[in-house]
């Protein structure tokens, strides 16, 4: 494998992606450079147990050639590749999750036509940054990527656009009032993905600059720059639309204007989305899904404090439930009968497991135990802290406080925290049974 000067590698590999001007000069993005990046990325993913990599690209003139070179590099390290062809970045991330494999997207997002780059991720669209892979790739480009002496991988083509559209439509209710929407794709990938996603929604779509053209003949596909919103603002008013949406080049970001053509603050949009997801949490965490905690507090002869907790799935785990579906079902800490054996099925037909947590007591004899419980549909998790504090002879005060960490995928998969109702009660030492929360506070 060829080697590169460290300053040239640093010019192209940034904190979170590979990005730069396309060309053959040192420090630029060339097919040879990209092929070696693909080989190093493939080597890293192979060492982590991956067997395939999904690859997509945007509509820039240089993207197909660069994507093909990257695929060659990955294949040279023994990994197979799945080529999606033209795709948006979000569609690539969807494929990484749906196909359970690492991915690479060729795009320079909102940058001008002369730029291109690579956004890489692990399976499940987990990002690859400097501390999680890019530093190693940079080092191997300088020292030379070791050759792989096994069989090379092969490439297959796959179209996941309709699957991606169906998935997005499953995230939101489609029984909304009919709306008129003006859409500016900026000659970017929104021109391909938006029609598929909005096809089943009760929307009248007015299309502007939907032709895929990586030279961006009308304006840069950067909706954060006000000058690139001018056409959409006028178009929205002229069409009498309820709102207007402008996408960036790889269609993973958008900007919204109202029916008067006035720009809507992204912070406002984020708050509206967050409110919707946090409201959904009220329906997830109820007495029907989180009922009883069965915790037994023990103090051993060695002075160590042990908490033995029974964890029972809140959804019946019968043999007909697919394994993939079970993985995303919520779990609760519950057991109606403190004498119910753990491991296997309880009397309520739910699967139970048992864990013993050993914790050295604090100076006052108290200790804390933290449990993370997945929320349904992969929406996040509920973190619950149980504090056992001596209250007097033969008594313990048990404090329960829970925090919901809810994923908001539309705003980058970040977590929005929501504090749940706290409860506290004093019980006798020994077997302690505490009713879990059945109400969510805003």
Protein backbone atom coordinates (compact mmCIF):
# COMPACT_ATOMS: atom_id res chain seq x y z
CA UNK A 1 0.00 0.00 0.00
CA UNK A 2 1.26 3.53 -0.73
CA UNK A 3 1.95 5.93 2.11
CA UNK A 4 1.06 9.59 2.60
CA UNK A 5 2.61 12.54 4.39
CA UNK A 6 1.02 13.14 7.78
CA UNK A 7 0.16 16.75 6.92
CA UNK A 8 -1.65 15.62 3.76
CA UNK A 9 -3.65 13.06 5.73
CA UNK A 10 -4.52 15.67 8.35
CA UNK A 11 -5.74 18.01 5.63
CA UNK A 12 -8.32 15.46 4.48
CA UNK A 13 -9.31 13.57 7.64
CA UNK A 14 -11.19 15.86 10.01
CA UNK A 15 -12.60 15.28 13.48
CA UNK A 16 -15.69 13.38 12.32
CA UNK A 17 -15.27 12.59 8.63
CA UNK A 18 -13.08 12.72 5.54
CA UNK A 19 -13.61 15.91 3.57
CA UNK A 20 -11.81 18.11 1.07
CA UNK A 21 -11.39 19.30 -2.49
CA UNK A 22 -11.44 16.52 -5.09
CA UNK A 23 -8.18 16.29 -7.03
CA UNK A 24 -4.82 14.58 -7.40
CA UNK A 25 -2.74 17.08 -5.44
CA UNK A 26 -1.40 16.14 -1.97
CA UNK A 27 -4.05 16.65 0.70
CA UNK A 28 -6.90 16.36 -1.81
CA UNK A 29 -9.52 13.65 -2.22
CA UNK A 30 -8.45 11.26 -4.99
CA UNK A 31 -9.59 7.74 -5.91
CA UNK A 32 -6.23 6.29 -4.79
CA UNK A 33 -6.46 8.03 -1.41
CA UNK A 34 -10.05 6.90 -0.94
CA UNK A 35 -9.16 3.32 -1.91
CA UNK A 36 -6.60 3.24 0.89
CA UNK A 37 -9.07 4.79 3.35
CA UNK A 38 -11.48 2.01 2.41
CA UNK A 39 -8.82 -0.63 2.99
CA UNK A 40 -7.96 0.75 6.43
CA UNK A 41 -11.62 1.09 7.39
CA UNK A 42 -12.32 -2.45 6.15
CA UNK A 43 -9.38 -3.79 8.15
CA UNK A 44 -10.64 -2.08 11.31
CA UNK A 45 -14.19 -3.34 10.83
CA UNK A 46 -12.98 -6.87 10.06
CA UNK A 47 -11.00 -6.91 13.32
CA UNK A 48 -14.20 -5.88 15.13
CA UNK A 49 -16.13 -8.79 13.65
CA UNK A 50 -17.91 -7.16 10.70
CA UNK A 51 -18.37 -9.15 7.50
CA UNK A 52 -19.80 -6.50 5.18
CA UNK A 53 -19.99 -2.73 4.65
CA UNK A 54 -22.83 -0.78 3.05
CA UNK A 55 -21.80 2.12 0.77
CA UNK A 56 -23.85 4.96 -0.69
CA UNK A 57 -23.15 8.23 -2.48
CA UNK A 58 -24.78 11.53 -3.38
CA UNK A 59 -25.26 13.18 -6.79
CA UNK A 60 -21.89 14.94 -7.08
CA UNK A 61 -20.01 14.16 -10.29
CA UNK A 62 -17.08 12.68 -8.37
CA UNK A 63 -19.13 10.51 -6.01
CA UNK A 64 -19.62 7.31 -8.09
CA UNK A 65 -15.90 7.04 -8.89
CA UNK A 66 -14.84 7.66 -5.29
CA UNK A 67 -17.42 5.22 -3.92
CA UNK A 68 -16.19 2.53 -6.35
CA UNK A 69 -12.59 3.08 -5.20
CA UNK A 70 -13.61 2.81 -1.55
CA UNK A 71 -15.46 -0.45 -2.28
CA UNK A 72 -12.29 -1.85 -3.87
CA UNK A 73 -10.36 -0.99 -0.72
CA UNK A 74 -12.90 -2.62 1.58
CA UNK A 75 -13.08 -5.73 -0.61
CA UNK A 76 -9.28 -6.02 -0.54
CA UNK A 77 -9.50 -6.61 3.21
CA UNK A 78 -11.85 -9.59 2.83
CA UNK A 79 -15.14 -7.81 3.56
CA UNK A 80 -18.13 -7.87 1.24
CA UNK A 81 -19.83 -4.63 0.27
CA UNK A 82 -23.41 -3.63 -0.49
CA UNK A 83 -23.60 -0.71 -2.91
CA UNK A 84 -26.75 1.41 -2.53
CA UNK A 85 -25.91 3.83 -5.33
CA UNK A 86 -27.59 7.23 -5.06
CA UNK A 87 -28.79 7.77 -1.50
CA UNK A 88 -29.17 10.38 1.19
CA UNK A 89 -27.01 10.23 4.31
CA UNK A 90 -30.00 9.33 6.49
CA UNK A 91 -30.89 6.51 4.10
CA UNK A 92 -27.34 5.17 4.41
CA UNK A 93 -27.63 5.31 8.21
CA UNK A 94 -30.96 3.48 7.99
CA UNK A 95 -29.32 0.76 5.89
CA UNK A 96 -26.48 0.45 8.41
CA UNK A 97 -29.07 -0.26 11.09
CA UNK A 98 -31.42 -2.43 9.05
CA UNK A 99 -28.60 -4.54 7.60
CA UNK A 100 -26.62 -4.50 10.88
CA UNK A 101 -23.31 -3.56 9.28
CA UNK A 102 -20.88 -0.63 9.08
CA UNK A 103 -21.43 1.99 6.40
CA UNK A 104 -19.82 4.75 4.39
CA UNK A 105 -21.54 7.69 2.72
CA UNK A 106 -19.86 9.75 0.00
CA UNK A 107 -20.97 13.36 0.22
CA UNK A 108 -19.73 16.83 1.08
CA UNK A 109 -23.15 17.74 2.45
CA UNK A 110 -23.79 21.49 1.93
CA UNK A 111 -20.30 22.29 0.59
CA UNK A 112 -19.74 23.49 -3.01
CA UNK A 113 -19.44 21.12 -5.96
CA UNK A 114 -15.63 20.83 -5.92
CA UNK A 115 -15.72 19.15 -2.50
CA UNK A 116 -16.44 15.57 -1.52
CA UNK A 117 -15.96 13.38 1.53
CA UNK A 118 -16.83 10.25 3.48
CA UNK A 119 -19.01 9.81 6.56
CA UNK A 120 -18.26 6.43 8.10
CA UNK A 121 -20.15 4.54 10.78
CA UNK A 122 -20.26 1.22 12.58
CA UNK A 123 -23.30 -1.07 12.52
CA UNK A 124 -26.38 0.70 13.78
CA UNK A 125 -25.09 4.02 12.37
CA UNK A 126 -22.74 4.51 15.33
CA UNK A 127 -20.39 7.28 14.21
CA UNK A 128 -16.68 6.88 13.58
CA UNK A 129 -14.66 9.88 14.76
CA UNK A 130 -11.08 10.66 15.65
CA UNK A 131 -11.16 8.75 18.93
CA UNK A 132 -13.17 5.84 17.55
CA UNK A 133 -11.33 4.98 14.35
CA UNK A 134 -10.20 7.96 12.29
CA UNK A 135 -6.94 8.34 14.24
CA UNK A 136 -6.03 4.75 13.46
CA UNK A 137 -6.97 5.15 9.80
CA UNK A 138 -4.79 8.28 9.63
CA UNK A 139 -1.85 6.43 11.16
CA UNK A 140 -2.17 3.54 8.71
CA UNK A 141 -2.29 5.91 5.75
CA UNK A 142 1.05 7.34 6.90
CA UNK A 143 2.73 4.00 7.67
CA UNK A 144 0.96 1.92 5.03
CA UNK A 145 -2.18 -0.23 5.36
CA UNK A 146 -1.14 -3.88 5.89
CA UNK A 147 -2.21 -6.23 3.11
CA UNK A 148 -4.77 -8.97 3.80
CA UNK A 149 -3.67 -12.45 2.72
CA UNK A 150 -7.18 -13.95 2.63
CA UNK A 151 -9.82 -14.05 -0.08
CA UNK A 152 -11.11 -10.62 -1.19
CA UNK A 153 -14.72 -9.69 -0.59
CA UNK A 154 -17.35 -9.21 -3.27
CA UNK A 155 -19.85 -6.45 -4.01
CA UNK A 156 -23.62 -6.62 -4.54
CA UNK A 157 -26.08 -3.86 -5.37
CA UNK A 158 -29.18 -3.17 -3.30
CA UNK A 159 -31.96 -0.55 -3.35
CA UNK A 160 -33.37 0.29 0.09
CA UNK A 161 -35.19 3.54 -0.74
CA UNK A 162 -38.70 2.14 -0.30
CA UNK A 163 -37.75 0.34 2.92
CA UNK A 164 -36.28 3.60 4.21
CA UNK A 165 -39.44 5.52 3.29
CA UNK A 166 -41.67 2.93 4.96
CA UNK A 167 -39.55 3.10 8.11
CA UNK A 168 -39.81 6.89 8.34
CA UNK A 169 -43.57 6.72 7.83
CA UNK A 170 -43.82 4.22 10.68
CA UNK A 171 -42.35 6.78 13.09
CA UNK A 172 -45.15 9.31 12.77
CA UNK A 173 -48.96 9.24 12.43
CA UNK A 174 -50.06 9.83 8.86
CA UNK A 175 -53.67 10.67 9.76
CA UNK A 176 -53.00 14.42 9.73
CA UNK A 177 -55.02 17.12 8.03
CA UNK A 178 -54.11 17.67 4.37
CA UNK A 179 -51.26 20.13 3.95
CA UNK A 180 -49.74 22.02 1.07
CA UNK A 181 -45.94 21.91 1.27
CA UNK A 182 -43.33 23.71 -0.83
CA UNK A 183 -40.06 21.77 -1.04
CA UNK A 184 -36.67 23.00 -2.26
CA UNK A 185 -34.30 20.08 -2.73
CA UNK A 186 -31.50 22.38 -3.89
CA UNK A 187 -30.66 19.86 -6.67
CA UNK A 188 -29.53 17.54 -3.88
CA UNK A 189 -30.55 14.09 -2.68
CA UNK A 190 -33.89 15.32 -1.34
CA UNK A 191 -35.01 15.24 -4.96
CA UNK A 192 -34.76 11.44 -4.81
CA UNK A 193 -35.82 10.62 -1.26
CA UNK A 194 -38.60 13.16 -0.58
CA UNK A 195 -41.07 11.83 -3.19
CA UNK A 196 -40.72 8.29 -1.81
CA UNK A 197 -41.12 9.39 1.82
CA UNK A 198 -44.06 11.75 1.27
CA UNK A 199 -45.91 9.53 -1.21
CA UNK A 200 -48.30 8.08 1.38
CA UNK A 201 -48.84 11.25 3.40
CA UNK A 202 -51.84 13.56 2.81
CA UNK A 203 -49.61 16.26 1.36
CA UNK A 204 -49.77 18.34 -1.79
CA UNK A 205 -46.09 18.74 -2.67
CA UNK A 206 -44.83 21.67 -4.75
CA UNK A 207 -41.36 20.74 -6.01
CA UNK A 208 -38.50 23.17 -6.55
CA UNK A 209 -35.06 22.16 -7.87
CA UNK A 210 -35.67 18.42 -7.55
CA UNK A 211 -33.35 17.54 -10.47
CA UNK A 212 -30.21 15.84 -9.14
CA UNK A 213 -27.26 17.99 -10.13
CA UNK A 214 -24.02 18.03 -8.16
CA UNK A 215 -23.01 21.30 -9.75
CA UNK A 216 -25.85 23.09 -7.91
CA UNK A 217 -26.93 25.33 -10.82
CA UNK A 218 -29.57 27.28 -8.85
CA UNK A 219 -28.00 27.87 -5.43
CA UNK A 220 -25.78 26.07 -2.94
CA UNK A 221 -27.59 23.32 -1.07
CA UNK A 222 -26.92 25.04 2.25
CA UNK A 223 -30.21 26.18 3.82
CA UNK A 224 -28.39 27.68 6.82
CA UNK A 225 -27.29 30.57 4.60
CA UNK A 226 -30.25 32.99 4.27
CA UNK A 227 -29.46 33.76 0.63
CA UNK A 228 -30.20 30.12 -0.24
CA UNK A 229 -33.73 30.42 1.21
CA UNK A 230 -34.85 33.30 -0.98
CA UNK A 231 -36.24 31.11 -3.78
CA UNK A 232 -38.13 28.88 -1.33
CA UNK A 233 -39.60 31.86 0.55
CA UNK A 234 -41.05 33.30 -2.65
CA UNK A 235 -42.12 29.87 -3.94
CA UNK A 236 -43.98 29.09 -0.68
CA UNK A 237 -45.99 32.30 -0.83
CA UNK A 238 -46.67 32.00 -4.58
CA UNK A 239 -48.05 28.46 -4.14
CA UNK A 240 -50.09 29.39 -1.07
CA UNK A 241 -48.39 26.54 0.80
CA UNK A 242 -48.80 25.93 4.52
CA UNK A 243 -45.04 25.72 4.94
CA UNK A 244 -41.81 25.40 3.00
CA UNK A 245 -38.88 23.03 3.54
CA UNK A 246 -35.33 23.42 2.18
CA UNK A 247 -32.91 20.48 2.27
CA UNK A 248 -29.13 20.43 2.19
CA UNK A 249 -27.14 18.44 -0.38
CA UNK A 250 -27.29 15.03 1.26
CA UNK A 251 -30.81 15.58 2.68
CA UNK A 252 -29.91 14.98 6.31
CA UNK A 253 -30.77 18.54 7.36
CA UNK A 254 -33.58 20.89 6.52
CA UNK A 255 -34.75 24.44 7.19
CA UNK A 256 -38.40 25.47 7.46
CA UNK A 257 -40.28 28.62 6.51
CA UNK A 258 -43.89 29.38 7.43
CA UNK A 259 -46.82 30.21 5.14
CA UNK A 260 -45.63 33.83 4.94
CA UNK A 261 -42.17 32.79 3.85
CA UNK A 262 -40.64 33.71 7.20
CA UNK A 263 -37.84 31.50 8.49
CA UNK A 264 -38.69 29.35 11.52
CA UNK A 265 -35.97 29.03 14.16
CA UNK A 266 -34.40 25.55 14.26
CA UNK A 267 -34.60 25.77 18.06
CA UNK A 268 -38.37 26.09 17.80
CA UNK A 269 -38.59 23.04 15.56
CA UNK A 270 -36.37 21.05 17.92
CA UNK A 271 -38.54 22.01 20.89
CA UNK A 272 -41.70 20.92 19.06
CA UNK A 273 -40.19 17.56 18.17
CA UNK A 274 -38.84 17.06 21.68
CA UNK A 275 -42.25 17.82 23.17
CA UNK A 276 -43.84 15.19 20.95
CA UNK A 277 -41.34 12.50 21.92
CA UNK A 278 -41.46 13.32 25.60
CA UNK A 279 -45.26 13.25 25.52
CA UNK A 280 -44.99 9.77 24.04
CA UNK A 281 -42.97 8.79 27.10
CA UNK A 282 -46.09 9.32 29.22
CA UNK A 283 -47.66 6.42 27.37
CA UNK A 284 -44.59 4.21 27.73
CA UNK A 285 -43.95 4.43 31.46
CA UNK A 286 -47.18 3.49 33.20
CA UNK A 287 -48.26 1.07 35.91
CA UNK A 288 -48.97 -1.50 33.23
CA UNK A 289 -45.32 -1.55 32.11
CA UNK A 290 -43.58 -0.79 35.41
CA UNK A 291 -45.33 -2.37 38.38
CA UNK A 292 -43.35 -3.81 41.31
CA UNK A 293 -39.72 -3.78 42.34
CA UNK A 294 -38.65 -6.80 44.37
CA UNK A 295 -35.34 -5.94 46.05
CA UNK A 296 -33.80 -7.80 48.96
CA UNK A 297 -31.21 -5.89 50.98
CA UNK A 298 -28.64 -8.06 52.72
CA UNK A 299 -25.64 -7.26 54.94
CA UNK A 300 -23.06 -10.04 54.95
CA UNK A 301 -20.70 -11.06 57.71
CA UNK A 302 -18.00 -9.17 55.84
CA UNK A 303 -19.99 -5.97 56.14
CA UNK A 304 -20.73 -5.78 52.41
CA UNK A 305 -24.21 -4.67 51.41
CA UNK A 306 -25.89 -6.72 48.71
CA UNK A 307 -29.05 -5.98 46.78
CA UNK A 308 -30.72 -8.89 45.03
CA UNK A 309 -33.11 -7.74 42.31
CA UNK A 310 -35.58 -9.70 40.23
CA UNK A 311 -35.88 -8.35 36.67
CA UNK A 312 -38.96 -9.42 34.75
CA UNK A 313 -39.94 -8.51 31.21
CA UNK A 314 -43.12 -6.45 31.12
CA UNK A 315 -44.12 -8.08 27.82
CA UNK A 316 -44.82 -11.84 27.70
CA UNK A 317 -41.85 -13.58 26.07
CA UNK A 318 -43.53 -16.53 24.44
CA UNK A 319 -41.75 -18.85 22.06
CA UNK A 320 -43.50 -17.30 19.05
CA UNK A 321 -41.89 -13.90 19.61
CA UNK A 322 -39.02 -13.33 17.16
CA UNK A 323 -35.62 -12.87 18.80
CA UNK A 324 -35.12 -9.49 17.11
CA UNK A 325 -38.43 -8.24 18.52
CA UNK A 326 -37.59 -9.51 22.01
CA UNK A 327 -34.38 -7.49 21.98
CA UNK A 328 -36.34 -4.24 21.83
CA UNK A 329 -39.09 -5.10 24.30
CA UNK A 330 -39.13 -3.19 27.61
CA UNK A 331 -37.99 -4.78 30.85
CA UNK A 332 -39.31 -3.94 34.31
CA UNK A 333 -38.25 -4.69 37.84
CA UNK A 334 -41.31 -6.49 39.13
CA UNK A 335 -42.38 -9.59 40.98
CA UNK A 336 -45.70 -9.85 42.76
CA UNK A 337 -44.54 -12.75 44.92
CA UNK A 338 -41.34 -12.19 46.93
CA UNK A 339 -40.93 -15.94 47.19
CA UNK A 340 -41.28 -16.51 43.45
CA UNK A 341 -38.23 -18.42 42.19
CA UNK A 342 -36.03 -16.47 39.79
CA UNK A 343 -34.61 -17.65 36.50
CA UNK A 344 -37.14 -19.08 34.07
CA UNK A 345 -40.83 -18.17 34.05
CA UNK A 346 -42.72 -16.63 36.96
CA UNK A 347 -46.33 -17.33 37.90
CA UNK A 348 -47.45 -14.46 35.66
CA UNK A 349 -45.92 -16.16 32.61
CA UNK A 350 -43.17 -13.57 32.23
CA UNK A 351 -39.48 -14.34 31.93
CA UNK A 352 -37.44 -13.42 34.99
CA UNK A 353 -33.75 -13.03 35.64
CA UNK A 354 -31.91 -12.30 38.86
CA UNK A 355 -28.90 -10.11 39.55
CA UNK A 356 -26.95 -9.52 42.73
CA UNK A 357 -25.30 -6.12 43.09
CA UNK A 358 -22.54 -5.78 45.66
CA UNK A 359 -21.86 -2.29 46.94
CA UNK A 360 -19.70 -1.07 49.80
CA UNK A 361 -21.92 1.05 52.07
CA UNK A 362 -21.26 4.76 52.46
CA UNK A 363 -20.16 6.19 55.79
CA UNK A 364 -23.77 6.46 56.96
CA UNK A 365 -24.49 2.85 56.01
CA UNK A 366 -26.48 3.80 52.89
CA UNK A 367 -25.95 2.53 49.37
CA UNK A 368 -27.38 3.14 45.91
CA UNK A 369 -28.33 0.80 43.13
CA UNK A 370 -28.89 1.96 39.54
CA UNK A 371 -30.95 0.04 36.99
CA UNK A 372 -31.24 0.88 33.27
CA UNK A 373 -34.49 -0.31 31.68
CA UNK A 374 -34.99 -0.17 27.86
CA UNK A 375 -38.04 1.71 26.60
CA UNK A 376 -40.22 0.18 23.86
CA UNK A 377 -39.38 0.55 20.18
CA UNK A 378 -35.78 1.48 20.87
CA UNK A 379 -36.80 4.93 22.07
CA UNK A 380 -34.16 5.06 24.79
CA UNK A 381 -33.95 3.86 28.34
CA UNK A 382 -35.20 4.62 31.82
CA UNK A 383 -32.48 4.96 34.44
CA UNK A 384 -33.72 4.35 37.97
CA UNK A 385 -31.74 4.98 41.16
CA UNK A 386 -32.74 3.16 44.35
CA UNK A 387 -31.22 4.57 47.56
CA UNK A 388 -31.34 2.56 50.78
CA UNK A 389 -30.61 4.82 53.78
CA UNK A 390 -30.78 3.66 57.44
CA UNK A 391 -33.64 5.54 59.14
CA UNK A 392 -33.51 4.07 62.63
CA UNK A 393 -33.30 0.79 64.48
CA UNK A 394 -34.58 -1.91 62.17
CA UNK A 395 -35.74 0.61 59.54
CA UNK A 396 -34.55 1.75 56.13
CA UNK A 397 -35.74 4.65 53.99
CA UNK A 398 -35.99 3.66 50.33
CA UNK A 399 -35.87 6.50 47.78
CA UNK A 400 -36.70 5.80 44.16
CA UNK A 401 -35.90 8.32 41.43
CA UNK A 402 -36.14 7.64 37.71
CA UNK A 403 -34.99 9.54 34.64
CA UNK A 404 -36.20 8.82 31.12
CA UNK A 405 -33.56 9.23 28.43
CA UNK A 406 -35.64 9.47 25.25
CA UNK A 407 -34.05 9.33 21.82
CA UNK A 408 -35.18 11.98 19.37
CA UNK A 409 -33.91 10.56 16.06
CA UNK A 410 -34.97 13.53 13.94
CA UNK A 411 -32.52 15.74 15.80
CA UNK A 412 -29.50 13.53 15.47
CA UNK A 413 -30.35 10.76 17.91
CA UNK A 414 -29.58 12.96 20.89
CA UNK A 415 -31.13 12.16 24.24
CA UNK A 416 -33.75 14.32 25.90
CA UNK A 417 -34.02 13.70 29.63
CA UNK A 418 -37.33 13.69 31.46
CA UNK A 419 -37.52 13.40 35.23
CA UNK A 420 -40.09 10.92 36.47
CA UNK A 421 -41.93 11.15 39.76
CA UNK A 422 -39.79 10.32 42.80
CA UNK A 423 -41.12 8.27 45.68
CA UNK A 424 -39.84 7.62 49.19
CA UNK A 425 -41.02 5.38 52.00
CA UNK A 426 -39.65 3.85 55.16
CA UNK A 427 -39.76 0.07 55.45
CA UNK A 428 -38.45 -2.62 57.75
CA UNK A 429 -35.04 -4.02 57.00
CA UNK A 430 -34.85 -7.42 55.33
CA UNK A 431 -37.15 -8.04 52.37
CA UNK A 432 -38.10 -4.70 50.86
CA UNK A 433 -40.80 -4.43 48.21
CA UNK A 434 -41.28 -0.99 46.69
CA UNK A 435 -44.00 -0.09 44.21
CA UNK A 436 -42.49 1.46 41.15
CA UNK A 437 -43.64 4.70 39.52
CA UNK A 438 -46.87 4.79 37.57
CA UNK A 439 -46.98 8.49 36.73
CA UNK A 440 -44.77 10.73 34.61
CA UNK A 441 -44.23 14.36 35.51
CA UNK A 442 -43.52 17.04 32.91
